[in-house]
Amino acid sequence: MGIHRKLKPTGSERLIWGEGDGSTMPVFPTEFGKLGGLICWENYMPLARMAMYGQELETIEELADEPDIMCQGGSVIVDPFGDVLAGPLWGKEGIIYADLDLEKITRAKVDFDITGHYARPDIFKLIVNKEPQSSVSFV
């Protein structure tokens, strides 16, 4: 259907493969709905996901037959390597606690630094308007 070149080779892949670019991030209409694809840890790149969502991967009409509560929660504390430290907490209010090893953050960034080498600012830009806004405007 199309081609997607991985945006950021991970870990030792960087020794062999080069980086892809934003030209290979298509979304395709199918009989199952609109499909797009990201590879490996690209799924954790917030702006890559936003780029896919921006191509209308999901519309409000597609949600019409879904229940009012589509997610029963699932709060969880996960360390930088994906190990679950506490939770998940499903279907009820509560507080979960965990002891954190902050040294894992530095070790994890060697492979996946979402605001560093994995950010790809040459492809993605997030612009935040910090000016106060009103939900009503009078012209």
N, C-alpha and C. Protein backbone atom coordinates (compact mmCIF):
# COMPACT_ATOMS: atom_id res chain seq x y z
N MET A 1 0.81 -1.21 0.00
CA MET A 1 0.00 0.00 0.00
C MET A 1 0.84 1.26 0.00
N GLY A 2 1.96 1.20 0.67
CA GLY A 2 2.80 2.38 0.76
C GLY A 2 4.12 2.03 1.40
N ILE A 3 4.93 3.04 1.58
CA ILE A 3 6.26 2.86 2.16
C ILE A 3 6.39 3.77 3.36
N HIS A 4 6.97 3.24 4.43
CA HIS A 4 7.31 4.07 5.59
C HIS A 4 8.74 3.72 5.98
N ARG A 5 9.59 4.70 5.99
CA ARG A 5 10.96 4.50 6.43
C ARG A 5 11.07 4.97 7.87
N LYS A 6 11.62 4.12 8.72
CA LYS A 6 11.70 4.41 10.15
C LYS A 6 12.35 5.77 10.39
N LEU A 7 11.67 6.60 11.20
CA LEU A 7 12.13 7.96 11.45
C LEU A 7 13.41 8.01 12.26
N LYS A 8 13.56 7.10 13.19
CA LYS A 8 14.72 7.14 14.08
C LYS A 8 15.14 5.71 14.42
N PRO A 9 16.23 5.23 13.82
CA PRO A 9 16.74 3.92 14.23
C PRO A 9 17.07 3.94 15.72
N THR A 10 16.75 2.85 16.39
CA THR A 10 16.86 2.76 17.84
C THR A 10 18.10 1.96 18.25
N GLY A 11 18.75 2.41 19.30
CA GLY A 11 19.88 1.68 19.87
C GLY A 11 20.96 1.39 18.83
N SER A 12 21.36 0.14 18.74
CA SER A 12 22.44 -0.24 17.83
C SER A 12 22.02 -0.18 16.36
N GLU A 13 20.73 -0.05 16.06
CA GLU A 13 20.29 0.13 14.66
C GLU A 13 20.95 1.36 14.05
N ARG A 14 21.27 2.35 14.91
CA ARG A 14 21.88 3.59 14.42
C ARG A 14 23.25 3.37 13.80
N LEU A 15 23.86 2.22 14.10
CA LEU A 15 25.17 1.92 13.52
C LEU A 15 25.04 1.51 12.06
N ILE A 16 23.84 1.10 11.65
CA ILE A 16 23.64 0.56 10.30
C ILE A 16 22.71 1.42 9.45
N TRP A 17 21.57 1.81 10.03
CA TRP A 17 20.51 2.46 9.26
C TRP A 17 20.52 3.97 9.43
N GLY A 18 20.11 4.68 8.39
CA GLY A 18 19.93 6.12 8.45
C GLY A 18 18.51 6.46 8.88
N GLU A 19 18.25 7.73 9.07
CA GLU A 19 16.94 8.20 9.49
C GLU A 19 16.02 8.41 8.30
N GLY A 20 14.74 8.10 8.48
CA GLY A 20 13.74 8.43 7.48
C GLY A 20 13.35 9.88 7.60
N ASP A 21 12.36 10.30 6.82
CA ASP A 21 11.87 11.68 6.92
C ASP A 21 10.35 11.68 6.91
N GLY A 22 9.78 12.84 6.92
CA GLY A 22 8.32 12.96 7.01
C GLY A 22 7.58 12.64 5.73
N SER A 23 8.28 12.31 4.66
CA SER A 23 7.60 12.05 3.39
C SER A 23 6.98 10.66 3.33
N THR A 24 7.30 9.81 4.28
CA THR A 24 6.78 8.44 4.21
C THR A 24 5.90 8.13 5.42
N MET A 25 4.92 8.99 5.67
CA MET A 25 3.99 8.78 6.79
C MET A 25 2.54 8.81 6.30
N PRO A 26 2.19 7.97 5.33
CA PRO A 26 0.84 8.03 4.77
C PRO A 26 -0.21 7.37 5.65
N VAL A 27 -1.45 7.73 5.40
CA VAL A 27 -2.62 7.09 6.00
C VAL A 27 -3.47 6.62 4.83
N PHE A 28 -4.03 5.39 4.95
CA PHE A 28 -4.77 4.80 3.85
C PHE A 28 -6.20 4.46 4.26
N PRO A 29 -7.16 4.82 3.41
CA PRO A 29 -8.54 4.37 3.68
C PRO A 29 -8.63 2.88 3.33
N THR A 30 -9.23 2.09 4.23
CA THR A 30 -9.43 0.66 3.96
C THR A 30 -10.85 0.30 4.35
N GLU A 31 -11.24 -0.93 4.06
CA GLU A 31 -12.58 -1.39 4.45
C GLU A 31 -12.74 -1.45 5.96
N PHE A 32 -11.63 -1.44 6.70
CA PHE A 32 -11.67 -1.50 8.16
C PHE A 32 -11.60 -0.12 8.79
N GLY A 33 -11.38 0.91 8.00
CA GLY A 33 -11.17 2.26 8.50
C GLY A 33 -9.84 2.78 7.99
N LYS A 34 -9.45 3.93 8.46
CA LYS A 34 -8.19 4.54 8.02
C LYS A 34 -7.04 3.93 8.80
N LEU A 35 -5.98 3.55 8.10
CA LEU A 35 -4.82 2.92 8.72
C LEU A 35 -3.56 3.69 8.41
N GLY A 36 -2.73 3.86 9.41
CA GLY A 36 -1.40 4.43 9.24
C GLY A 36 -0.45 3.56 10.01
N GLY A 37 0.81 3.78 9.86
CA GLY A 37 1.75 2.92 10.56
C GLY A 37 2.99 3.63 11.03
N LEU A 38 3.37 3.35 12.24
CA LEU A 38 4.65 3.78 12.78
C LEU A 38 5.39 2.51 13.20
N ILE A 39 6.69 2.58 13.23
CA ILE A 39 7.50 1.40 13.50
C ILE A 39 8.14 1.49 14.88
N CYS A 40 8.06 0.40 15.63
CA CYS A 40 8.81 0.25 16.87
C CYS A 40 8.50 1.41 17.82
N TRP A 41 9.51 2.05 18.34
CA TRP A 41 9.32 3.11 19.34
C TRP A 41 8.78 4.40 18.74
N GLU A 42 8.63 4.48 17.44
CA GLU A 42 7.99 5.67 16.86
C GLU A 42 6.61 5.87 17.46
N ASN A 43 5.96 4.77 17.87
CA ASN A 43 4.64 4.86 18.47
C ASN A 43 4.64 5.68 19.75
N TYR A 44 5.81 5.86 20.35
CA TYR A 44 5.93 6.66 21.57
C TYR A 44 6.27 8.12 21.26
N MET A 45 6.52 8.45 20.02
CA MET A 45 6.88 9.83 19.65
C MET A 45 5.58 10.65 19.56
N PRO A 46 5.33 11.54 20.51
CA PRO A 46 4.05 12.26 20.52
C PRO A 46 3.75 13.01 19.23
N LEU A 47 4.73 13.65 18.64
CA LEU A 47 4.44 14.44 17.44
C LEU A 47 4.28 13.55 16.21
N ALA A 48 4.92 12.39 16.18
CA ALA A 48 4.68 11.45 15.07
C ALA A 48 3.24 10.95 15.15
N ARG A 49 2.80 10.64 16.35
CA ARG A 49 1.41 10.21 16.52
C ARG A 49 0.45 11.32 16.13
N MET A 50 0.76 12.56 16.53
CA MET A 50 -0.10 13.68 16.19
C MET A 50 -0.17 13.86 14.67
N ALA A 51 0.94 13.64 13.99
CA ALA A 51 0.95 13.75 12.53
C ALA A 51 0.02 12.72 11.91
N MET A 52 -0.01 11.52 12.48
CA MET A 52 -0.91 10.49 11.97
C MET A 52 -2.36 10.85 12.29
N TYR A 53 -2.62 11.28 13.53
CA TYR A 53 -3.98 11.68 13.90
C TYR A 53 -4.47 12.83 13.02
N GLY A 54 -3.56 13.71 12.67
CA GLY A 54 -3.91 14.86 11.84
C GLY A 54 -4.36 14.48 10.44
N GLN A 55 -4.10 13.24 10.07
CA GLN A 55 -4.55 12.75 8.77
C GLN A 55 -5.89 12.02 8.92
N GLU A 56 -6.64 12.40 9.96
CA GLU A 56 -7.99 11.92 10.21
C GLU A 56 -8.07 10.41 10.34
N LEU A 57 -7.27 9.86 11.26
CA LEU A 57 -7.34 8.43 11.52
C LEU A 57 -8.64 8.04 12.22
N GLU A 58 -9.26 8.97 12.91
CA GLU A 58 -10.49 8.64 13.64
C GLU A 58 -11.44 9.82 13.54
N THR A 59 -12.69 9.56 13.21
CA THR A 59 -13.67 10.64 13.13
C THR A 59 -14.75 10.41 14.18
N ILE A 60 -15.46 11.45 14.53
CA ILE A 60 -16.50 11.36 15.55
C ILE A 60 -17.60 10.40 15.11
N GLU A 61 -17.88 10.33 13.83
CA GLU A 61 -18.92 9.42 13.33
C GLU A 61 -18.54 7.96 13.61
N GLU A 62 -17.24 7.65 13.57
CA GLU A 62 -16.81 6.28 13.82
C GLU A 62 -17.00 5.88 15.28
N LEU A 63 -17.20 6.85 16.16
CA LEU A 63 -17.38 6.57 17.58
C LEU A 63 -18.84 6.50 18.00
N ALA A 64 -19.76 6.72 17.06
CA ALA A 64 -21.19 6.83 17.38
C ALA A 64 -21.73 5.60 18.09
N ASP A 65 -21.29 4.41 17.76
CA ASP A 65 -21.83 3.19 18.35
C ASP A 65 -21.05 2.70 19.57
N GLU A 66 -20.09 3.49 20.02
CA GLU A 66 -19.28 3.09 21.17
C GLU A 66 -19.98 3.47 22.47
N PRO A 67 -19.68 2.77 23.57
CA PRO A 67 -20.32 3.11 24.85
C PRO A 67 -19.86 4.47 25.35
N ASP A 68 -20.67 5.06 26.28
CA ASP A 68 -20.32 6.36 26.84
C ASP A 68 -18.98 6.33 27.55
N ILE A 69 -18.71 5.27 28.30
CA ILE A 69 -17.42 5.12 28.97
C ILE A 69 -16.62 4.10 28.16
N MET A 70 -15.64 4.61 27.45
CA MET A 70 -14.85 3.75 26.56
C MET A 70 -13.61 3.20 27.25
N CYS A 71 -13.23 3.79 28.38
CA CYS A 71 -12.05 3.33 29.09
C CYS A 71 -12.35 3.35 30.59
N GLN A 72 -12.13 2.25 31.25
CA GLN A 72 -12.40 2.12 32.68
C GLN A 72 -11.21 2.53 33.53
N GLY A 73 -10.37 3.42 33.01
CA GLY A 73 -9.21 3.87 33.77
C GLY A 73 -7.99 3.06 33.43
N GLY A 74 -7.34 2.57 34.44
CA GLY A 74 -6.13 1.79 34.22
C GLY A 74 -4.88 2.54 34.60
N SER A 75 -5.00 3.46 35.58
CA SER A 75 -3.82 4.21 36.00
C SER A 75 -2.72 3.24 36.41
N VAL A 76 -1.51 3.56 35.98
CA VAL A 76 -0.39 2.67 36.22
C VAL A 76 0.89 3.50 36.30
N ILE A 77 1.85 3.04 37.07
CA ILE A 77 3.17 3.67 37.12
C ILE A 77 4.14 2.72 36.44
N VAL A 78 4.82 3.24 35.41
CA VAL A 78 5.72 2.43 34.59
C VAL A 78 7.09 3.09 34.60
N ASP A 79 8.15 2.29 34.75
CA ASP A 79 9.49 2.89 34.73
C ASP A 79 9.93 3.15 33.29
N PRO A 80 11.05 3.84 33.08
CA PRO A 80 11.47 4.19 31.72
C PRO A 80 11.75 3.01 30.80
N PHE A 81 11.86 1.80 31.35
CA PHE A 81 12.09 0.62 30.53
C PHE A 81 10.82 -0.17 30.27
N GLY A 82 9.68 0.35 30.73
CA GLY A 82 8.40 -0.29 30.48
C GLY A 82 7.97 -1.28 31.55
N ASP A 83 8.72 -1.40 32.64
CA ASP A 83 8.34 -2.30 33.72
C ASP A 83 7.27 -1.65 34.58
N VAL A 84 6.19 -2.38 34.85
CA VAL A 84 5.10 -1.86 35.68
C VAL A 84 5.53 -1.90 37.14
N LEU A 85 5.49 -0.73 37.78
CA LEU A 85 5.87 -0.62 39.19
C LEU A 85 4.66 -0.67 40.12
N ALA A 86 3.52 -0.20 39.65
CA ALA A 86 2.29 -0.21 40.45
C ALA A 86 1.09 -0.12 39.54
N GLY A 87 0.01 -0.76 39.94
CA GLY A 87 -1.22 -0.73 39.14
C GLY A 87 -1.24 -1.89 38.16
N PRO A 88 -2.14 -1.86 37.23
CA PRO A 88 -3.11 -0.79 36.95
C PRO A 88 -4.30 -0.80 37.91
N LEU A 89 -4.93 0.34 38.00
CA LEU A 89 -6.11 0.53 38.82
C LEU A 89 -7.30 0.69 37.88
N TRP A 90 -8.18 -0.30 37.84
CA TRP A 90 -9.29 -0.32 36.89
C TRP A 90 -10.63 -0.03 37.58
N GLY A 91 -11.45 0.78 36.94
CA GLY A 91 -12.85 0.95 37.31
C GLY A 91 -13.14 1.54 38.67
N LYS A 92 -12.18 2.20 39.30
CA LYS A 92 -12.44 2.82 40.59
C LYS A 92 -11.44 3.93 40.83
N GLU A 93 -11.79 4.82 41.77
CA GLU A 93 -10.87 5.89 42.16
C GLU A 93 -9.87 5.34 43.15
N GLY A 94 -8.68 5.90 43.18
CA GLY A 94 -7.69 5.47 44.13
C GLY A 94 -6.35 6.13 43.87
N ILE A 95 -5.40 5.83 44.70
CA ILE A 95 -4.04 6.35 44.57
C ILE A 95 -3.09 5.16 44.52
N ILE A 96 -2.17 5.18 43.58
CA ILE A 96 -1.16 4.13 43.52
C ILE A 96 0.20 4.77 43.83
N TYR A 97 1.08 3.99 44.43
CA TYR A 97 2.38 4.48 44.84
C TYR A 97 3.47 3.55 44.31
N ALA A 98 4.67 4.11 44.10
CA ALA A 98 5.81 3.29 43.71
C ALA A 98 7.09 4.02 44.10
N ASP A 99 8.12 3.26 44.38
CA ASP A 99 9.46 3.81 44.58
C ASP A 99 10.12 3.91 43.21
N LEU A 100 10.72 5.06 42.92
CA LEU A 100 11.31 5.30 41.60
C LEU A 100 12.83 5.28 41.68
N ASP A 101 13.46 4.65 40.70
CA ASP A 101 14.91 4.68 40.55
C ASP A 101 15.23 5.71 39.48
N LEU A 102 15.57 6.93 39.88
CA LEU A 102 15.77 8.03 38.93
C LEU A 102 16.97 7.81 38.02
N GLU A 103 17.91 6.95 38.39
CA GLU A 103 19.05 6.66 37.51
C GLU A 103 18.61 5.95 36.24
N LYS A 104 17.45 5.28 36.27
CA LYS A 104 16.95 4.60 35.07
C LYS A 104 16.61 5.59 33.96
N ILE A 105 16.29 6.82 34.33
CA ILE A 105 15.95 7.82 33.31
C ILE A 105 17.14 8.06 32.39
N THR A 106 18.30 8.28 32.96
CA THR A 106 19.50 8.52 32.15
C THR A 106 19.82 7.32 31.28
N ARG A 107 19.75 6.12 31.86
CA ARG A 107 20.05 4.91 31.09
C ARG A 107 19.06 4.72 29.95
N ALA A 108 17.80 5.03 30.18
CA ALA A 108 16.78 4.86 29.15
C ALA A 108 16.96 5.85 28.01
N LYS A 109 17.43 7.06 28.32
CA LYS A 109 17.60 8.08 27.28
C LYS A 109 18.69 7.72 26.28
N VAL A 110 19.57 6.80 26.62
CA VAL A 110 20.58 6.35 25.66
C VAL A 110 19.90 5.77 24.42
N ASP A 111 18.81 5.03 24.62
CA ASP A 111 18.06 4.45 23.50
C ASP A 111 16.97 5.37 22.98
N PHE A 112 16.25 6.04 23.89
CA PHE A 112 15.04 6.75 23.48
C PHE A 112 14.89 8.03 24.28
N ASP A 113 15.39 9.13 23.76
CA ASP A 113 15.29 10.44 24.40
C ASP A 113 14.27 11.27 23.62
N ILE A 114 13.02 11.26 24.07
CA ILE A 114 11.91 11.84 23.31
C ILE A 114 12.07 13.33 23.05
N THR A 115 12.75 14.07 23.91
CA THR A 115 12.96 15.49 23.65
C THR A 115 14.39 15.77 23.21
N GLY A 116 15.17 14.73 23.03
CA GLY A 116 16.56 14.87 22.58
C GLY A 116 16.72 14.29 21.19
N HIS A 117 17.59 13.30 21.05
CA HIS A 117 17.92 12.77 19.72
C HIS A 117 16.73 12.13 19.01
N TYR A 118 15.68 11.71 19.74
CA TYR A 118 14.52 11.07 19.11
C TYR A 118 13.45 12.08 18.68
N ALA A 119 13.63 13.35 18.99
CA ALA A 119 12.57 14.34 18.76
C ALA A 119 12.34 14.65 17.28
N ARG A 120 13.37 14.64 16.47
CA ARG A 120 13.30 14.96 15.05
C ARG A 120 12.67 16.32 14.75
N PRO A 121 13.25 17.41 15.29
CA PRO A 121 12.69 18.74 15.04
C PRO A 121 12.79 19.16 13.57
N ASP A 122 13.55 18.43 12.77
CA ASP A 122 13.58 18.72 11.34
C ASP A 122 12.29 18.28 10.65
N ILE A 123 11.51 17.40 11.30
CA ILE A 123 10.25 16.92 10.74
C ILE A 123 9.06 17.50 11.51
N PHE A 124 9.14 17.47 12.84
CA PHE A 124 8.01 17.85 13.67
C PHE A 124 8.29 19.11 14.46
N LYS A 125 7.27 19.96 14.60
CA LYS A 125 7.35 21.14 15.44
C LYS A 125 6.05 21.24 16.22
N LEU A 126 6.16 21.47 17.52
CA LEU A 126 5.00 21.73 18.35
C LEU A 126 5.02 23.21 18.71
N ILE A 127 3.95 23.90 18.38
CA ILE A 127 3.85 25.32 18.68
C ILE A 127 2.75 25.48 19.73
N VAL A 128 3.09 26.08 20.86
CA VAL A 128 2.14 26.29 21.94
C VAL A 128 1.89 27.78 22.10
N ASN A 129 0.64 28.18 21.97
CA ASN A 129 0.25 29.56 22.19
C ASN A 129 0.03 29.73 23.69
N LYS A 130 0.90 30.48 24.34
CA LYS A 130 0.82 30.66 25.79
C LYS A 130 -0.02 31.87 26.20
N GLU A 131 -0.63 32.53 25.23
CA GLU A 131 -1.48 33.67 25.54
C GLU A 131 -2.81 33.17 26.10
N PRO A 132 -3.35 33.86 27.12
CA PRO A 132 -4.66 33.46 27.64
C PRO A 132 -5.71 33.53 26.52
N GLN A 133 -6.61 32.57 26.52
CA GLN A 133 -7.65 32.49 25.50
C GLN A 133 -9.03 32.49 26.15
N SER A 134 -10.00 32.94 25.40
CA SER A 134 -11.39 32.91 25.85
C SER A 134 -12.17 32.00 24.93
N SER A 135 -13.13 31.28 25.49
CA SER A 135 -13.94 30.41 24.65
C SER A 135 -15.01 31.18 23.86
N VAL A 136 -15.17 32.45 24.21
CA VAL A 136 -16.13 33.32 23.50
C VAL A 136 -15.39 34.55 23.03
N SER A 137 -15.60 34.91 21.75
CA SER A 137 -14.99 36.12 21.19
C SER A 137 -16.09 37.03 20.67
N PHE A 138 -15.97 38.34 20.97
CA PHE A 138 -16.92 39.32 20.46
C PHE A 138 -16.20 40.16 19.44
N VAL A 139 -16.74 40.20 18.22
CA VAL A 139 -16.10 40.93 17.13
C VAL A 139 -16.74 42.28 16.95
